[in-house]
C-alpha atoms as a PDB file:
ATOM      1  CA  MET A   1     -22.041 147.547 267.929  1.00  0.00           C
ATOM      2  CA  THR A   2     -23.489 150.889 268.834  1.00  0.00           C
ATOM      3  CA  ASP A   3     -26.391 151.369 271.206  1.00  0.00           C
ATOM      4  CA  LYS A   4     -28.697 152.095 268.310  1.00  0.00           C
ATOM      5  CA  LEU A   5     -27.744 148.912 266.487  1.00  0.00           C
ATOM      6  CA  ALA A   6     -27.910 146.870 269.701  1.00  0.00           C
ATOM      7  CA  LYS A   7     -31.397 148.189 270.481  1.00  0.00           C
ATOM      8  CA  GLY A   8     -32.570 147.145 267.040  1.00  0.00           C
ATOM      9  CA  VAL A   9     -33.467 150.530 265.579  1.00  0.00           C
ATOM     10  CA  PRO A  10     -35.274 149.728 262.336  1.00  0.00           C
ATOM     11  CA  GLY A  11     -33.300 150.487 259.187  1.00  0.00           C
ATOM     12  CA  THR A  12     -29.979 151.159 260.917  1.00  0.00           C
ATOM     13  CA  GLU A  13     -28.312 147.966 259.732  1.00  0.00           C
ATOM     14  CA  LYS A  14     -29.594 148.548 256.175  1.00  0.00           C
ATOM     15  CA  SER A  15     -28.429 152.185 256.260  1.00  0.00           C
ATOM     16  CA  TYR A  16     -24.949 151.074 257.258  1.00  0.00           C
ATOM     17  CA  GLU A  17     -24.785 148.563 254.394  1.00  0.00           C
ATOM     18  CA  ASP A  18     -26.044 151.157 251.916  1.00  0.00           C
ATOM     19  CA  LEU A  19     -23.471 153.704 253.089  1.00  0.00           C
ATOM     20  CA  MET A  20     -20.652 151.174 252.787  1.00  0.00           C
ATOM     21  CA  LYS A  21     -21.751 150.277 249.235  1.00  0.00           C
ATOM     22  CA  THR A  22     -21.900 153.962 248.344  1.00  0.00           C
ATOM     23  CA  SER A  23     -18.481 154.529 249.890  1.00  0.00           C
ATOM     24  CA  TYR A  24     -16.916 151.724 247.844  1.00  0.00           C
ATOM     25  CA  ALA A  25     -18.620 152.938 244.653  1.00  0.00           C
ATOM     26  CA  ALA A  26     -17.375 156.503 245.248  1.00  0.00           C
ATOM     27  CA  ARG A  27     -13.831 155.246 245.796  1.00  0.00           C
ATOM     28  CA  ASP A  28     -13.866 153.185 242.616  1.00  0.00           C
ATOM     29  CA  SER A  29     -15.339 156.001 240.530  1.00  0.00           C
ATOM     30  CA  ALA A  30     -12.940 158.650 241.814  1.00  0.00           C
ATOM     31  CA  ALA A  31      -9.938 156.387 241.298  1.00  0.00           C
ATOM     32  CA  ALA A  32     -11.039 155.447 237.773  1.00  0.00           C
ATOM     33  CA  ILE A  33     -11.552 159.077 236.753  1.00  0.00           C
ATOM     34  CA  ALA A  34      -8.185 160.130 238.177  1.00  0.00           C
ATOM     35  CA  ARG A  35      -6.429 157.236 236.397  1.00  0.00           C
ATOM     36  CA  TRP A  36      -8.125 158.102 233.105  1.00  0.00           C
ATOM     37  CA  ILE A  37      -7.211 161.799 233.282  1.00  0.00           C
ATOM     38  CA  MET A  38      -3.625 161.083 234.298  1.00  0.00           C
ATOM     39  CA  ALA A  39      -3.212 158.423 231.590  1.00  0.00           C
ATOM     40  CA  SER A  40      -4.604 160.795 228.960  1.00  0.00           C
ATOM     41  CA  LEU A  41      -2.273 163.611 229.977  1.00  0.00           C
ATOM     42  CA  LEU A  42       0.715 161.255 230.103  1.00  0.00           C
ATOM     43  CA  ALA A  43      -0.153 159.923 226.650  1.00  0.00           C
ATOM     44  CA  VAL A  44      -0.619 163.371 225.114  1.00  0.00           C
ATOM     45  CA  ASN A  45       2.492 164.965 226.610  1.00  0.00           C
ATOM     46  CA  GLY A  46       4.566 161.791 226.306  1.00  0.00           C
ATOM     47  CA  GLY A  47       3.608 161.311 222.670  1.00  0.00           C
ATOM     48  CA  ALA A  48       4.397 164.921 221.892  1.00  0.00           C
ATOM     49  CA  GLU A  49       7.783 164.643 223.624  1.00  0.00           C
ATOM     50  CA  ALA A  50       8.525 161.424 221.712  1.00  0.00           C
ATOM     51  CA  ALA A  51       7.677 163.197 218.452  1.00  0.00           C
ATOM     52  CA  VAL A  52       9.920 166.133 219.356  1.00  0.00           C
ATOM     53  CA  LEU A  53      12.795 163.832 220.281  1.00  0.00           C
ATOM     54  CA  SER A  54      12.426 161.826 217.083  1.00  0.00           C
ATOM     55  CA  ALA A  55      12.733 165.037 215.060  1.00  0.00           C
ATOM     56  CA  LEU A  56      15.650 166.324 217.144  1.00  0.00           C
ATOM     57  CA  ASP A  57      18.266 165.950 214.389  1.00  0.00           C
ATOM     58  CA  LYS A  58      16.001 167.409 211.679  1.00  0.00           C
ATOM     59  CA  ALA A  59      14.497 170.281 213.645  1.00  0.00           C
ATOM     60  CA  PRO A  60      16.552 171.185 216.719  1.00  0.00           C
ATOM     61  CA  ALA A  61      14.772 174.543 217.050  1.00  0.00           C
ATOM     62  CA  VAL A  62      11.453 172.731 217.504  1.00  0.00           C
ATOM     63  CA  ALA A  63      12.969 170.474 220.168  1.00  0.00           C
ATOM     64  CA  ARG A  64      14.370 173.458 222.060  1.00  0.00           C
ATOM     65  CA  ALA A  65      11.120 175.429 221.811  1.00  0.00           C
ATOM     66  CA  ALA A  66       8.565 172.699 222.539  1.00  0.00           C
ATOM     67  CA  GLY A  67      10.453 169.926 224.328  1.00  0.00           C
ATOM     68  CA  PRO A  68      10.640 171.547 227.775  1.00  0.00           C
ATOM     69  CA  TRP A  69       6.903 172.285 227.744  1.00  0.00           C
ATOM     70  CA  PHE A  70       6.048 168.644 227.105  1.00  0.00           C
ATOM     71  CA  VAL A  71       8.433 167.468 229.833  1.00  0.00           C
ATOM     72  CA  ILE A  72       6.875 169.926 232.290  1.00  0.00           C
ATOM     73  CA  GLY A  73       3.442 168.658 231.215  1.00  0.00           C
ATOM     74  CA  LEU A  74       4.544 165.091 231.980  1.00  0.00           C
ATOM     75  CA  ILE A  75       5.824 166.101 235.403  1.00  0.00           C
ATOM     76  CA  LEU A  76       2.613 167.983 236.187  1.00  0.00           C
ATOM     77  CA  ALA A  77       0.499 164.985 235.114  1.00  0.00           C
ATOM     78  CA  VAL A  78       2.420 162.687 237.457  1.00  0.00           C
ATOM     79  CA  ALA A  79       2.178 165.251 240.283  1.00  0.00           C
ATOM     80  CA  GLY A  80      -1.566 165.513 239.639  1.00  0.00           C
ATOM     81  CA  GLY A  81      -1.863 161.743 239.849  1.00  0.00           C
ATOM     82  CA  MET A  82      -0.040 161.712 243.173  1.00  0.00           C
ATOM     83  CA  CYS A  83      -2.273 164.489 244.513  1.00  0.00           C
ATOM     84  CA  SER A  84      -5.387 162.647 243.330  1.00  0.00           C
ATOM     85  CA  TRP A  85      -4.210 159.661 245.356  1.00  0.00           C
ATOM     86  CA  MET A  86      -3.801 161.928 248.393  1.00  0.00           C
ATOM     87  CA  ALA A  87      -7.240 163.479 247.845  1.00  0.00           C
ATOM     88  CA  LEU A  88      -8.822 160.064 247.537  1.00  0.00           C
ATOM     89  CA  ARG A  89      -7.037 158.853 250.677  1.00  0.00           C
ATOM     90  CA  SER A  90      -8.250 161.887 252.598  1.00  0.00           C
ATOM     91  CA  LEU A  91     -11.795 161.462 251.311  1.00  0.00           C
ATOM     92  CA  ILE A  92     -11.840 157.742 252.101  1.00  0.00           C
ATOM     93  CA  SER A  93     -10.553 158.408 255.594  1.00  0.00           C
ATOM     94  CA  HIS A  94     -13.284 160.976 256.150  1.00  0.00           C
ATOM     95  CA  ILE A  95     -16.024 158.715 254.803  1.00  0.00           C
ATOM     96  CA  ASP A  96     -14.810 155.761 256.843  1.00  0.00           C
ATOM     97  CA  GLU A  97     -14.863 157.836 260.014  1.00  0.00           C
ATOM     98  CA  HIS A  98     -18.465 158.828 259.421  1.00  0.00           C
ATOM     99  CA  VAL A  99     -19.704 155.449 258.287  1.00  0.00           C
ATOM    100  CA  ASP A 100     -18.166 153.692 261.273  1.00  0.00           C
ATOM    101  CA  HIS A 101     -20.630 151.938 263.586  1.00  0.00           C
ATOM    102  CA  ASN A 102     -19.678 154.197 266.475  1.00  0.00           C
ATOM    103  CA  LYS A 103     -19.822 157.533 264.618  1.00  0.00           C
ATOM    104  CA  GLY A 104     -21.173 159.370 261.685  1.00  0.00           C
ATOM    105  CA  LEU A 105     -24.271 159.028 259.674  1.00  0.00           C
ATOM    106  CA  VAL A 106     -25.438 155.776 261.259  1.00  0.00           C
ATOM    107  CA  CYS A 107     -25.629 157.382 264.697  1.00  0.00           C
ATOM    108  CA  GLY A 108     -26.854 160.755 263.470  1.00  0.00           C
ATOM    109  CA  GLU A 109     -23.641 162.694 264.136  1.00  0.00           C
ATOM    110  CA  GLN A 110     -23.196 165.577 261.718  1.00  0.00           C
ATOM    111  CA  SER A 111     -19.916 166.353 260.000  1.00  0.00           C
ATOM    112  CA  THR A 112     -18.530 169.859 259.921  1.00  0.00           C
ATOM    113  CA  ASP A 113     -17.189 171.731 256.928  1.00  0.00           C
ATOM    114  CA  SER A 114     -13.695 171.669 258.399  1.00  0.00           C
ATOM    115  CA  ASP A 115     -13.727 167.854 258.178  1.00  0.00           C
ATOM    116  CA  TRP A 116     -13.574 168.126 254.383  1.00  0.00           C
ATOM    117  CA  ASN A 117     -10.672 170.612 254.183  1.00  0.00           C
ATOM    118  CA  GLY A 118      -7.954 168.034 253.467  1.00  0.00           C
ATOM    119  CA  ALA A 119      -9.858 166.355 250.650  1.00  0.00           C
ATOM    120  CA  THR A 120     -10.930 169.708 249.217  1.00  0.00           C
ATOM    121  CA  VAL A 121      -7.412 171.135 249.156  1.00  0.00           C
ATOM    122  CA  PHE A 122      -6.015 168.066 247.411  1.00  0.00           C
ATOM    123  CA  ALA A 123      -8.918 167.969 244.940  1.00  0.00           C
ATOM    124  CA  LEU A 124      -8.333 171.603 243.988  1.00  0.00           C
ATOM    125  CA  LEU A 125      -4.613 170.927 243.638  1.00  0.00           C
ATOM    126  CA  VAL A 126      -5.361 167.954 241.381  1.00  0.00           C
ATOM    127  CA  ALA A 127      -7.550 170.088 239.136  1.00  0.00           C
ATOM    128  CA  LEU A 128      -4.909 172.816 239.000  1.00  0.00           C
ATOM    129  CA  LEU A 129      -2.107 170.369 238.131  1.00  0.00           C
ATOM    130  CA  PHE A 130      -4.133 168.578 235.466  1.00  0.00           C
ATOM    131  CA  VAL A 131      -5.168 171.879 233.844  1.00  0.00           C
ATOM    132  CA  ALA A 132      -1.561 173.113 234.017  1.00  0.00           C
ATOM    133  CA  SER A 133      -0.404 169.908 232.308  1.00  0.00           C
ATOM    134  CA  LEU A 134      -2.932 170.442 229.529  1.00  0.00           C
ATOM    135  CA  VAL A 135      -1.842 174.074 229.181  1.00  0.00           C
ATOM    136  CA  CYS A 136       1.788 172.930 228.876  1.00  0.00           C
ATOM    137  CA  PHE A 137       0.748 170.642 226.042  1.00  0.00           C
ATOM    138  CA  GLY A 138      -1.003 173.536 224.300  1.00  0.00           C
ATOM    139  CA  VAL A 139       1.898 175.947 224.764  1.00  0.00           C
ATOM    140  CA  GLY A 140       4.366 173.283 223.606  1.00  0.00           C
ATOM    141  CA  SER A 141       2.266 172.586 220.522  1.00  0.00           C
ATOM    142  CA  ILE A 142       2.108 176.262 219.639  1.00  0.00           C
ATOM    143  CA  ALA A 143       5.859 176.605 220.232  1.00  0.00           C
ATOM    144  CA  ALA A 144       6.502 173.650 217.929  1.00  0.00           C
ATOM    145  CA  VAL A 145       4.425 175.149 215.144  1.00  0.00           C
ATOM    146  CA  ARG A 146       6.052 178.574 215.451  1.00  0.00           C
ATOM    147  CA  ALA A 147       9.647 177.275 215.610  1.00  0.00           C
END
């Protein structure tokens, strides 16, 4: 226990419990959102690729024009999912450091902006990959219609 907790500072124990509950809720929410986005992108691009492959013998030009875009979209969705896991790990690590009994918000220590750099970089990369996957679906769809 920290000195503050040992001395019985009012509200410190409750603050710690509240921060831990908030930390767990943030983890669950972030993970659920990332899973939903990745599953949606995998379903959209995967379904489109399955449709292209099923029409391969009837419309090979469509498969050549749109197929690679859907495969790239699938790869980007998986990469985005992996980066969301890394962002969440980085964020959880940061939160855990600052919710620890010996550090962080319980003891009044302030975090710096540089502490968030890892989570921020991965979060931006996740957004970029997920948007790129969606763009690949759109480009592949347009290519399929034009072929």
